[in-house]
Amino acid sequence: GVQVRSVTMQSTQPPEQVQAAFDDAVKAGQDRERQKNEGQAYANDVIPKAKGTAARLMEEAEGYKSRLIATAEGDASRFNQLLTEYSKAPEVTRSRLYLETLQQVYTNTSKVMVDAKGQGNLLYLPLDKLMQAAGAQAAAMPTDTASPAARSSGVTPSISNETPPQLEKMPPIERSGDYRSRENLRSRDRGDR
């Protein structure tokens, strides 16, 4: 017998009649490989990003869930404590809650107008100036006068009903029927805005 050890093709030229079809087939194979590689590269880029985004969103959701549960449990505990106190002294608890609410509301308020029991006189409280005066007084106070516990906890001293010395120098608000002086105060105040 005859044994074939190797076959070598010097050139692979298809016949001219099928050259266009042969080129199309080769080009289609190359396009298929290129598109497959592009798809794989896109998948390699997008899938890790999507997994990272999904993991981040899951972590944020878990954190939000934990925060919401802790807030709800804290609120429930506070209300249970309030219920205990309310059952002991309802009137005192109501008054305290009312005063705490007023304190929270007036913390962010700079000006308050108070009607004195329908007498037609409006009392103007310049809370912004009062707070500035109180802040200046607190800054001028030596730090040694506060107790160590108050300094370490950062708690502000309690509010006093006494008039601060800075405000004693301010002119008193007229309570007579002369409304022009109050109008002057109002118009000056409008100029600040």
N, C-alpha and C. Protein backbone atom coordinates (compact mmCIF):
# COMPACT_ATOMS: atom_id res chain seq x y z
N GLY A 1 0.69 -1.17 0.00
CA GLY A 1 0.00 0.00 0.00
C GLY A 1 0.76 1.30 0.00
N VAL A 2 -0.03 2.25 -0.14
CA VAL A 2 0.44 3.64 -0.20
C VAL A 2 0.04 4.34 1.10
N GLN A 3 0.94 5.04 1.70
CA GLN A 3 0.66 5.85 2.90
C GLN A 3 0.87 7.31 2.56
N VAL A 4 -0.12 8.14 2.96
CA VAL A 4 -0.02 9.59 2.72
C VAL A 4 0.51 10.20 4.01
N ARG A 5 1.63 10.82 3.93
CA ARG A 5 2.23 11.40 5.12
C ARG A 5 1.80 12.85 5.32
N SER A 6 1.65 13.63 4.32
CA SER A 6 1.19 15.01 4.46
C SER A 6 0.64 15.49 3.15
N VAL A 7 -0.26 16.47 3.29
CA VAL A 7 -0.84 17.09 2.10
C VAL A 7 -0.61 18.58 2.26
N THR A 8 -0.05 19.21 1.32
CA THR A 8 0.21 20.65 1.36
C THR A 8 -0.51 21.30 0.21
N MET A 9 -1.32 22.33 0.57
CA MET A 9 -2.02 23.08 -0.48
C MET A 9 -1.29 24.40 -0.62
N GLN A 10 -0.85 24.66 -1.77
CA GLN A 10 -0.08 25.87 -2.02
C GLN A 10 -0.98 27.11 -2.02
N SER A 11 -2.11 27.06 -2.63
CA SER A 11 -3.04 28.19 -2.64
C SER A 11 -4.45 27.66 -2.68
N THR A 12 -5.33 28.37 -1.96
CA THR A 12 -6.73 27.95 -1.94
C THR A 12 -7.53 28.99 -2.67
N GLN A 13 -7.62 28.87 -3.88
CA GLN A 13 -8.40 29.79 -4.71
C GLN A 13 -9.61 29.05 -5.21
N PRO A 14 -10.78 29.51 -4.77
CA PRO A 14 -11.98 28.87 -5.30
C PRO A 14 -12.16 29.27 -6.76
N PRO A 15 -12.93 28.53 -7.45
CA PRO A 15 -13.16 28.90 -8.85
C PRO A 15 -13.85 30.26 -8.93
N GLU A 16 -13.64 30.93 -10.02
CA GLU A 16 -14.17 32.28 -10.18
C GLU A 16 -15.67 32.34 -10.10
N GLN A 17 -16.35 31.32 -10.50
CA GLN A 17 -17.80 31.33 -10.49
C GLN A 17 -18.36 31.39 -9.05
N VAL A 18 -17.66 30.81 -8.07
CA VAL A 18 -18.15 30.78 -6.69
C VAL A 18 -17.33 31.68 -5.76
N GLN A 19 -16.47 32.51 -6.34
CA GLN A 19 -15.60 33.38 -5.53
C GLN A 19 -16.42 34.31 -4.62
N ALA A 20 -17.48 34.93 -5.12
CA ALA A 20 -18.30 35.86 -4.33
C ALA A 20 -18.97 35.13 -3.17
N ALA A 21 -19.50 33.95 -3.44
CA ALA A 21 -20.16 33.18 -2.38
C ALA A 21 -19.15 32.74 -1.33
N PHE A 22 -17.95 32.35 -1.78
CA PHE A 22 -16.91 31.94 -0.84
C PHE A 22 -16.51 33.11 0.06
N ASP A 23 -16.33 34.30 -0.53
CA ASP A 23 -15.97 35.50 0.25
C ASP A 23 -17.07 35.84 1.26
N ASP A 24 -18.33 35.72 0.83
CA ASP A 24 -19.45 35.99 1.74
C ASP A 24 -19.45 35.02 2.92
N ALA A 25 -19.16 33.76 2.65
CA ALA A 25 -19.14 32.76 3.71
C ALA A 25 -18.01 33.05 4.71
N VAL A 26 -16.85 33.40 4.20
CA VAL A 26 -15.72 33.73 5.08
C VAL A 26 -16.03 34.97 5.91
N LYS A 27 -16.60 36.00 5.25
CA LYS A 27 -16.94 37.24 5.94
C LYS A 27 -18.01 36.99 7.01
N ALA A 28 -18.98 36.15 6.72
CA ALA A 28 -20.03 35.83 7.69
C ALA A 28 -19.43 35.15 8.92
N GLY A 29 -18.49 34.25 8.70
CA GLY A 29 -17.83 33.58 9.83
C GLY A 29 -17.06 34.57 10.68
N GLN A 30 -16.35 35.50 10.02
CA GLN A 30 -15.60 36.51 10.77
C GLN A 30 -16.55 37.44 11.54
N ASP A 31 -17.65 37.83 10.89
CA ASP A 31 -18.64 38.70 11.56
C ASP A 31 -19.23 37.99 12.79
N ARG A 32 -19.50 36.70 12.63
CA ARG A 32 -20.06 35.94 13.75
C ARG A 32 -19.09 35.93 14.92
N GLU A 33 -17.83 35.67 14.66
CA GLU A 33 -16.82 35.65 15.73
C GLU A 33 -16.66 37.03 16.37
N ARG A 34 -16.66 38.09 15.53
CA ARG A 34 -16.50 39.45 16.06
C ARG A 34 -17.68 39.81 16.95
N GLN A 35 -18.89 39.51 16.49
CA GLN A 35 -20.07 39.84 17.29
C GLN A 35 -20.12 39.02 18.58
N LYS A 36 -19.67 37.78 18.49
CA LYS A 36 -19.63 36.96 19.69
C LYS A 36 -18.64 37.54 20.70
N ASN A 37 -17.50 37.99 20.22
CA ASN A 37 -16.50 38.60 21.11
C ASN A 37 -17.00 39.92 21.70
N GLU A 38 -17.68 40.74 20.88
CA GLU A 38 -18.23 42.00 21.38
C GLU A 38 -19.30 41.75 22.45
N GLY A 39 -20.15 40.76 22.19
CA GLY A 39 -21.18 40.41 23.17
C GLY A 39 -20.58 39.94 24.48
N GLN A 40 -19.53 39.13 24.37
CA GLN A 40 -18.87 38.64 25.58
C GLN A 40 -18.21 39.79 26.34
N ALA A 41 -17.58 40.72 25.62
CA ALA A 41 -16.96 41.87 26.28
C ALA A 41 -18.02 42.74 26.96
N TYR A 42 -19.16 42.94 26.30
CA TYR A 42 -20.25 43.74 26.88
C TYR A 42 -20.79 43.05 28.14
N ALA A 43 -20.95 41.73 28.06
CA ALA A 43 -21.44 40.98 29.22
C ALA A 43 -20.44 41.06 30.37
N ASN A 44 -19.14 40.96 30.05
CA ASN A 44 -18.12 41.06 31.08
C ASN A 44 -18.10 42.44 31.74
N ASP A 45 -18.53 43.46 31.01
CA ASP A 45 -18.57 44.82 31.55
C ASP A 45 -19.85 45.05 32.35
N VAL A 46 -20.99 44.62 31.81
CA VAL A 46 -22.29 44.96 32.39
C VAL A 46 -22.63 44.08 33.59
N ILE A 47 -22.36 42.81 33.53
CA ILE A 47 -22.79 41.89 34.59
C ILE A 47 -22.16 42.24 35.95
N PRO A 48 -20.84 42.49 36.03
CA PRO A 48 -20.30 42.87 37.35
C PRO A 48 -20.89 44.19 37.87
N LYS A 49 -21.10 45.16 36.96
CA LYS A 49 -21.70 46.42 37.40
C LYS A 49 -23.11 46.19 37.93
N ALA A 50 -23.88 45.38 37.23
CA ALA A 50 -25.25 45.10 37.66
C ALA A 50 -25.26 44.37 39.00
N LYS A 51 -24.34 43.42 39.17
CA LYS A 51 -24.26 42.70 40.44
C LYS A 51 -23.86 43.65 41.57
N GLY A 52 -22.91 44.55 41.29
CA GLY A 52 -22.50 45.53 42.30
C GLY A 52 -23.64 46.47 42.67
N THR A 53 -24.37 46.95 41.66
CA THR A 53 -25.50 47.84 41.92
C THR A 53 -26.57 47.12 42.72
N ALA A 54 -26.84 45.88 42.35
CA ALA A 54 -27.86 45.10 43.08
C ALA A 54 -27.43 44.89 44.53
N ALA A 55 -26.16 44.58 44.75
CA ALA A 55 -25.68 44.39 46.13
C ALA A 55 -25.77 45.69 46.92
N ARG A 56 -25.40 46.81 46.28
CA ARG A 56 -25.48 48.11 46.97
C ARG A 56 -26.92 48.45 47.33
N LEU A 57 -27.84 48.23 46.39
CA LEU A 57 -29.26 48.51 46.66
C LEU A 57 -29.79 47.61 47.77
N MET A 58 -29.36 46.37 47.79
CA MET A 58 -29.80 45.46 48.85
C MET A 58 -29.28 45.94 50.21
N GLU A 59 -28.02 46.38 50.24
CA GLU A 59 -27.45 46.88 51.50
C GLU A 59 -28.18 48.14 51.96
N GLU A 60 -28.46 49.05 51.01
CA GLU A 60 -29.20 50.27 51.36
C GLU A 60 -30.59 49.92 51.88
N ALA A 61 -31.24 48.97 51.24
CA ALA A 61 -32.58 48.57 51.68
C ALA A 61 -32.53 47.94 53.07
N GLU A 62 -31.52 47.13 53.32
CA GLU A 62 -31.38 46.53 54.66
C GLU A 62 -31.13 47.61 55.71
N GLY A 63 -30.28 48.58 55.36
CA GLY A 63 -30.02 49.68 56.30
C GLY A 63 -31.27 50.49 56.57
N TYR A 64 -32.02 50.78 55.51
CA TYR A 64 -33.27 51.53 55.67
C TYR A 64 -34.26 50.75 56.53
N LYS A 65 -34.33 49.45 56.28
CA LYS A 65 -35.24 48.59 57.06
C LYS A 65 -34.84 48.61 58.53
N SER A 66 -33.55 48.45 58.80
CA SER A 66 -33.08 48.45 60.19
C SER A 66 -33.35 49.79 60.85
N ARG A 67 -33.08 50.88 60.12
CA ARG A 67 -33.30 52.22 60.66
C ARG A 67 -34.78 52.45 60.95
N LEU A 68 -35.64 52.01 60.04
CA LEU A 68 -37.08 52.17 60.20
C LEU A 68 -37.59 51.36 61.39
N ILE A 69 -37.10 50.14 61.53
CA ILE A 69 -37.52 49.30 62.65
C ILE A 69 -37.05 49.91 63.97
N ALA A 70 -35.80 50.38 64.00
CA ALA A 70 -35.28 50.98 65.24
C ALA A 70 -36.07 52.23 65.60
N THR A 71 -36.41 53.05 64.61
CA THR A 71 -37.19 54.26 64.87
C THR A 71 -38.57 53.90 65.40
N ALA A 72 -39.20 52.92 64.77
CA ALA A 72 -40.54 52.51 65.21
C ALA A 72 -40.50 51.93 66.62
N GLU A 73 -39.48 51.12 66.91
CA GLU A 73 -39.36 50.57 68.26
C GLU A 73 -39.10 51.67 69.28
N GLY A 74 -38.27 52.64 68.92
CA GLY A 74 -38.02 53.77 69.82
C GLY A 74 -39.27 54.58 70.07
N ASP A 75 -40.04 54.85 69.00
CA ASP A 75 -41.29 55.59 69.16
C ASP A 75 -42.27 54.81 70.03
N ALA A 76 -42.37 53.51 69.81
CA ALA A 76 -43.28 52.69 70.61
C ALA A 76 -42.85 52.70 72.07
N SER A 77 -41.56 52.60 72.32
CA SER A 77 -41.06 52.64 73.70
C SER A 77 -41.37 53.98 74.35
N ARG A 78 -41.18 55.07 73.59
CA ARG A 78 -41.48 56.40 74.12
C ARG A 78 -42.96 56.52 74.45
N PHE A 79 -43.82 56.05 73.57
CA PHE A 79 -45.25 56.14 73.83
C PHE A 79 -45.65 55.26 75.03
N ASN A 80 -45.02 54.11 75.18
CA ASN A 80 -45.30 53.28 76.36
C ASN A 80 -44.89 53.99 77.64
N GLN A 81 -43.74 54.66 77.61
CA GLN A 81 -43.31 55.43 78.78
C GLN A 81 -44.26 56.58 79.05
N LEU A 82 -44.71 57.25 77.97
CA LEU A 82 -45.68 58.34 78.14
C LEU A 82 -46.98 57.82 78.73
N LEU A 83 -47.40 56.66 78.29
CA LEU A 83 -48.64 56.08 78.80
C LEU A 83 -48.53 55.80 80.30
N THR A 84 -47.37 55.30 80.71
CA THR A 84 -47.16 55.04 82.13
C THR A 84 -47.23 56.34 82.93
N GLU A 85 -46.54 57.37 82.42
CA GLU A 85 -46.56 58.67 83.10
C GLU A 85 -47.95 59.29 83.06
N TYR A 86 -48.63 59.13 81.94
CA TYR A 86 -49.97 59.71 81.80
C TYR A 86 -50.95 59.06 82.77
N SER A 87 -50.81 57.75 82.96
CA SER A 87 -51.72 57.08 83.90
C SER A 87 -51.47 57.54 85.33
N LYS A 88 -50.24 57.96 85.64
CA LYS A 88 -49.93 58.45 86.99
C LYS A 88 -50.46 59.87 87.19
N ALA A 89 -50.20 60.76 86.21
CA ALA A 89 -50.59 62.17 86.34
C ALA A 89 -50.98 62.71 84.97
N PRO A 90 -52.25 62.56 84.57
CA PRO A 90 -52.65 62.97 83.23
C PRO A 90 -52.48 64.46 82.95
N GLU A 91 -52.85 65.31 83.89
CA GLU A 91 -52.79 66.76 83.65
C GLU A 91 -51.35 67.24 83.51
N VAL A 92 -50.48 66.75 84.37
CA VAL A 92 -49.07 67.14 84.31
C VAL A 92 -48.44 66.67 83.01
N THR A 93 -48.75 65.46 82.60
CA THR A 93 -48.18 64.93 81.36
C THR A 93 -48.66 65.72 80.16
N ARG A 94 -49.95 66.06 80.13
CA ARG A 94 -50.48 66.86 79.02
C ARG A 94 -49.80 68.22 78.96
N SER A 95 -49.65 68.86 80.11
CA SER A 95 -49.00 70.18 80.15
C SER A 95 -47.56 70.09 79.68
N ARG A 96 -46.86 69.06 80.15
CA ARG A 96 -45.46 68.90 79.75
C ARG A 96 -45.33 68.68 78.24
N LEU A 97 -46.19 67.83 77.68
CA LEU A 97 -46.16 67.58 76.24
C LEU A 97 -46.47 68.85 75.47
N TYR A 98 -47.42 69.63 75.96
CA TYR A 98 -47.77 70.89 75.31
C TYR A 98 -46.58 71.85 75.31
N LEU A 99 -45.92 71.97 76.46
CA LEU A 99 -44.76 72.87 76.56
C LEU A 99 -43.60 72.39 75.69
N GLU A 100 -43.37 71.08 75.65
CA GLU A 100 -42.31 70.55 74.79
C GLU A 100 -42.60 70.83 73.32
N THR A 101 -43.87 70.69 72.94
CA THR A 101 -44.24 70.97 71.55
C THR A 101 -44.04 72.43 71.22
N LEU A 102 -44.44 73.32 72.13
CA LEU A 102 -44.23 74.75 71.91
C LEU A 102 -42.74 75.06 71.79
N GLN A 103 -41.94 74.43 72.62
CA GLN A 103 -40.50 74.66 72.56
C GLN A 103 -39.93 74.23 71.21
N GLN A 104 -40.37 73.08 70.70
CA GLN A 104 -39.89 72.63 69.40
C GLN A 104 -40.34 73.56 68.29
N VAL A 105 -41.59 74.02 68.36
CA VAL A 105 -42.11 74.89 67.30
C VAL A 105 -41.40 76.23 67.32
N TYR A 106 -41.22 76.80 68.51
CA TYR A 106 -40.63 78.13 68.60
C TYR A 106 -39.12 78.12 68.43
N THR A 107 -38.50 76.96 68.42
CA THR A 107 -37.06 76.90 68.21
C THR A 107 -36.69 77.45 66.83
N ASN A 108 -37.49 77.17 65.83
CA ASN A 108 -37.19 77.61 64.47
C ASN A 108 -37.93 78.87 64.08
N THR A 109 -38.57 79.54 65.02
CA THR A 109 -39.34 80.74 64.73
C THR A 109 -38.55 81.95 65.20
N SER A 110 -38.47 82.96 64.34
CA SER A 110 -37.72 84.15 64.73
C SER A 110 -38.62 85.25 65.26
N LYS A 111 -39.88 85.28 64.87
CA LYS A 111 -40.78 86.35 65.30
C LYS A 111 -42.14 85.76 65.65
N VAL A 112 -42.75 86.31 66.69
CA VAL A 112 -44.05 85.84 67.14
C VAL A 112 -44.92 87.05 67.43
N MET A 113 -46.17 87.01 66.97
CA MET A 113 -47.15 88.05 67.29
C MET A 113 -48.17 87.42 68.22
N VAL A 114 -48.42 88.05 69.37
CA VAL A 114 -49.33 87.51 70.36
C VAL A 114 -50.49 88.47 70.54
N ASP A 115 -51.72 87.98 70.44
CA ASP A 115 -52.91 88.79 70.69
C ASP A 115 -53.26 88.65 72.16
N ALA A 116 -53.29 89.76 72.87
CA ALA A 116 -53.54 89.74 74.31
C ALA A 116 -55.03 89.66 74.59
N LYS A 117 -55.60 88.46 74.52
CA LYS A 117 -57.00 88.17 74.86
C LYS A 117 -57.97 89.07 74.12
N GLY A 118 -57.76 89.31 72.86
CA GLY A 118 -58.71 90.05 72.03
C GLY A 118 -58.80 91.52 72.35
N GLN A 119 -57.78 92.11 72.95
CA GLN A 119 -57.82 93.53 73.28
C GLN A 119 -57.45 94.40 72.08
N GLY A 120 -57.11 93.81 71.00
CA GLY A 120 -56.76 94.58 69.82
C GLY A 120 -55.30 94.99 69.79
N ASN A 121 -54.55 94.73 70.84
CA ASN A 121 -53.12 95.06 70.87
C ASN A 121 -52.33 93.81 70.53
N LEU A 122 -51.44 93.94 69.58
CA LEU A 122 -50.57 92.82 69.23
C LEU A 122 -49.22 93.05 69.88
N LEU A 123 -48.73 92.06 70.58
CA LEU A 123 -47.44 92.13 71.22
C LEU A 123 -46.41 91.51 70.28
N TYR A 124 -45.39 92.25 69.96
CA TYR A 124 -44.36 91.79 69.03
C TYR A 124 -43.19 91.26 69.85
N LEU A 125 -42.86 89.99 69.65
CA LEU A 125 -41.72 89.39 70.34
C LEU A 125 -40.60 89.16 69.32
N PRO A 126 -39.55 89.97 69.36
CA PRO A 126 -38.44 89.77 68.41
C PRO A 126 -37.54 88.64 68.89
N LEU A 127 -37.99 87.41 68.66
CA LEU A 127 -37.24 86.25 69.17
C LEU A 127 -35.84 86.17 68.59
N ASP A 128 -35.67 86.62 67.36
CA ASP A 128 -34.32 86.56 66.78
C ASP A 128 -33.36 87.45 67.56
N LYS A 129 -33.82 88.64 67.96
CA LYS A 129 -32.96 89.53 68.74
C LYS A 129 -32.76 89.00 70.16
N LEU A 130 -33.82 88.41 70.71
CA LEU A 130 -33.70 87.82 72.05
C LEU A 130 -32.70 86.67 72.05
N MET A 131 -32.76 85.85 71.01
CA MET A 131 -31.84 84.71 70.92
C MET A 131 -30.40 85.19 70.72
N GLN A 132 -30.21 86.25 69.91
CA GLN A 132 -28.87 86.78 69.72
C GLN A 132 -28.33 87.33 71.03
N ALA A 133 -29.19 88.04 71.77
CA ALA A 133 -28.76 88.59 73.05
C ALA A 133 -28.42 87.48 74.02
N ALA A 134 -29.25 86.44 74.04
CA ALA A 134 -28.98 85.31 74.94
C ALA A 134 -27.70 84.59 74.52
N GLY A 135 -27.47 84.48 73.21
CA GLY A 135 -26.24 83.85 72.73
C GLY A 135 -25.01 84.67 73.09
N ALA A 136 -25.12 86.00 72.98
CA ALA A 136 -24.00 86.86 73.35
C ALA A 136 -23.72 86.76 74.84
N GLN A 137 -24.79 86.67 75.63
CA GLN A 137 -24.63 86.55 77.07
C GLN A 137 -23.99 85.21 77.42
N ALA A 138 -24.42 84.15 76.74
CA ALA A 138 -23.85 82.82 77.01
C ALA A 138 -22.38 82.77 76.60
N ALA A 139 -22.03 83.46 75.50
CA ALA A 139 -20.64 83.47 75.06
C ALA A 139 -19.77 84.27 76.02
N ALA A 140 -20.35 85.31 76.65
CA ALA A 140 -19.59 86.14 77.57
C ALA A 140 -19.41 85.48 78.92
N MET A 141 -20.27 84.50 79.25
CA MET A 141 -20.17 83.83 80.55
C MET A 141 -18.92 82.97 80.59
N PRO A 142 -18.20 82.98 81.73
CA PRO A 142 -17.05 82.08 81.85
C PRO A 142 -17.54 80.64 81.90
N THR A 143 -16.72 79.77 81.35
CA THR A 143 -17.12 78.36 81.28
C THR A 143 -17.04 77.68 82.63
N ASP A 144 -16.38 78.31 83.63
CA ASP A 144 -16.26 77.68 84.94
C ASP A 144 -17.58 77.66 85.69
N THR A 145 -18.53 78.54 85.34
CA THR A 145 -19.78 78.60 86.10
C THR A 145 -20.68 77.42 85.81
N ALA A 146 -20.55 76.79 84.66
CA ALA A 146 -21.40 75.63 84.35
C ALA A 146 -20.87 74.41 85.07
N SER A 147 -21.77 73.53 85.43
CA SER A 147 -21.36 72.31 86.12
C SER A 147 -20.62 71.40 85.15
N PRO A 148 -19.75 70.54 85.65
CA PRO A 148 -19.02 69.64 84.74
C PRO A 148 -19.96 68.73 83.97
N ALA A 149 -21.06 68.30 84.60
CA ALA A 149 -21.99 67.42 83.90
C ALA A 149 -22.66 68.15 82.76
N ALA A 150 -23.03 69.41 82.98
CA ALA A 150 -23.68 70.19 81.91
C ALA A 150 -22.72 70.46 80.78
N ARG A 151 -21.44 70.73 81.12
CA ARG A 151 -20.47 70.99 80.05
C ARG A 151 -20.21 69.75 79.23
N SER A 152 -20.09 68.60 79.86
CA SER A 152 -19.78 67.38 79.12
C SER A 152 -20.96 66.90 78.30
N SER A 153 -22.19 67.13 78.79
CA SER A 153 -23.35 66.63 78.04
C SER A 153 -23.76 67.57 76.94
N GLY A 154 -23.29 68.82 76.96
CA GLY A 154 -23.66 69.78 75.92
C GLY A 154 -25.06 70.32 76.10
N VAL A 155 -25.66 70.16 77.27
CA VAL A 155 -27.02 70.62 77.52
C VAL A 155 -26.98 72.11 77.83
N THR A 156 -27.87 72.87 77.23
CA THR A 156 -27.93 74.29 77.50
C THR A 156 -28.62 74.52 78.83
N PRO A 157 -28.27 75.59 79.54
CA PRO A 157 -28.91 75.85 80.82
C PRO A 157 -30.39 76.13 80.62
N SER A 158 -31.16 75.96 81.71
CA SER A 158 -32.60 76.14 81.61
C SER A 158 -32.95 77.60 81.35
N ILE A 159 -34.12 77.82 80.80
CA ILE A 159 -34.59 79.15 80.43
C ILE A 159 -35.14 79.82 81.68
N SER A 160 -34.78 81.08 81.86
CA SER A 160 -35.23 81.83 83.02
C SER A 160 -36.29 82.83 82.60
N ASN A 161 -37.18 83.18 83.53
CA ASN A 161 -38.20 84.19 83.26
C ASN A 161 -37.68 85.60 83.49
N GLU A 162 -36.47 85.73 84.00
CA GLU A 162 -35.92 87.05 84.25
C GLU A 162 -35.49 87.69 82.94
N THR A 163 -35.60 89.01 82.89
CA THR A 163 -35.21 89.75 81.69
C THR A 163 -33.69 89.83 81.64
N PRO A 164 -33.08 89.44 80.52
CA PRO A 164 -31.63 89.55 80.41
C PRO A 164 -31.20 91.01 80.50
N PRO A 165 -29.99 91.29 81.01
CA PRO A 165 -29.55 92.67 81.17
C PRO A 165 -29.50 93.43 79.84
N GLN A 166 -29.21 92.75 78.72
CA GLN A 166 -29.15 93.44 77.44
C GLN A 166 -30.52 93.96 77.04
N LEU A 167 -31.57 93.25 77.41
CA LEU A 167 -32.91 93.63 76.99
C LEU A 167 -33.53 94.69 77.88
N GLU A 168 -32.97 94.87 79.08
CA GLU A 168 -33.49 95.91 79.96
C GLU A 168 -33.24 97.29 79.36
N LYS A 169 -32.19 97.42 78.53
CA LYS A 169 -31.86 98.70 77.92
C LYS A 169 -32.76 99.01 76.73
N MET A 170 -33.48 98.01 76.21
CA MET A 170 -34.36 98.23 75.05
C MET A 170 -35.57 99.04 75.49
N PRO A 171 -36.10 99.92 74.60
CA PRO A 171 -37.28 100.71 74.97
C PRO A 171 -38.48 99.80 75.14
N PRO A 172 -39.33 100.10 76.12
CA PRO A 172 -40.52 99.27 76.34
C PRO A 172 -41.51 99.43 75.20
N ILE A 173 -42.31 98.41 74.99
CA ILE A 173 -43.34 98.45 73.95
C ILE A 173 -44.52 99.23 74.51
N GLU A 174 -44.96 100.20 73.76
CA GLU A 174 -46.07 101.04 74.24
C GLU A 174 -47.36 100.27 74.11
N ARG A 175 -48.17 100.35 75.14
CA ARG A 175 -49.43 99.65 75.14
C ARG A 175 -50.60 100.62 74.99
N SER A 176 -50.32 101.86 74.70
CA SER A 176 -51.40 102.85 74.56
C SER A 176 -52.05 102.69 73.19
N GLY A 177 -52.99 103.56 72.92
CA GLY A 177 -53.70 103.49 71.66
C GLY A 177 -52.91 104.06 70.50
N ASP A 178 -51.68 104.53 70.73
CA ASP A 178 -50.88 105.11 69.66
C ASP A 178 -50.28 103.98 68.83
N TYR A 179 -50.89 103.71 67.70
CA TYR A 179 -50.45 102.59 66.86
C TYR A 179 -49.35 103.00 65.91
N ARG A 180 -49.09 104.29 65.80
CA ARG A 180 -48.08 104.74 64.84
C ARG A 180 -46.69 104.24 65.23
N SER A 181 -46.40 104.22 66.51
CA SER A 181 -45.07 103.77 66.92
C SER A 181 -44.87 102.29 66.57
N ARG A 182 -45.93 101.52 66.73
CA ARG A 182 -45.82 100.11 66.34
C ARG A 182 -45.70 99.98 64.83
N GLU A 183 -46.40 100.81 64.10
CA GLU A 183 -46.29 100.77 62.64
C GLU A 183 -44.87 101.09 62.21
N ASN A 184 -44.22 102.03 62.90
CA ASN A 184 -42.82 102.35 62.58
C ASN A 184 -41.94 101.13 62.81
N LEU A 185 -42.19 100.43 63.91
CA LEU A 185 -41.42 99.21 64.17
C LEU A 185 -41.63 98.19 63.07
N ARG A 186 -42.86 98.02 62.64
CA ARG A 186 -43.17 97.05 61.59
C ARG A 186 -42.51 97.45 60.28
N SER A 187 -42.58 98.73 59.94
CA SER A 187 -42.00 99.15 58.66
C SER A 187 -40.49 99.00 58.69
N ARG A 188 -39.86 99.24 59.85
CA ARG A 188 -38.42 99.02 59.94
C ARG A 188 -38.09 97.55 59.76
N ASP A 189 -38.94 96.72 60.34
CA ASP A 189 -38.72 95.28 60.25
C ASP A 189 -38.87 94.81 58.81
N ARG A 190 -39.80 95.37 58.08
CA ARG A 190 -39.98 94.97 56.68
C ARG A 190 -38.77 95.35 55.84
N GLY A 191 -38.08 96.39 56.23
CA GLY A 191 -36.89 96.81 55.49
C GLY A 191 -35.77 95.80 55.59
N ASP A 192 -35.76 94.99 56.64
CA ASP A 192 -34.70 93.98 56.81
C ASP A 192 -34.85 92.85 55.81
N ARG A 193 -36.05 92.62 55.34
CA ARG A 193 -36.29 91.48 54.46
C ARG A 193 -35.76 91.72 53.14
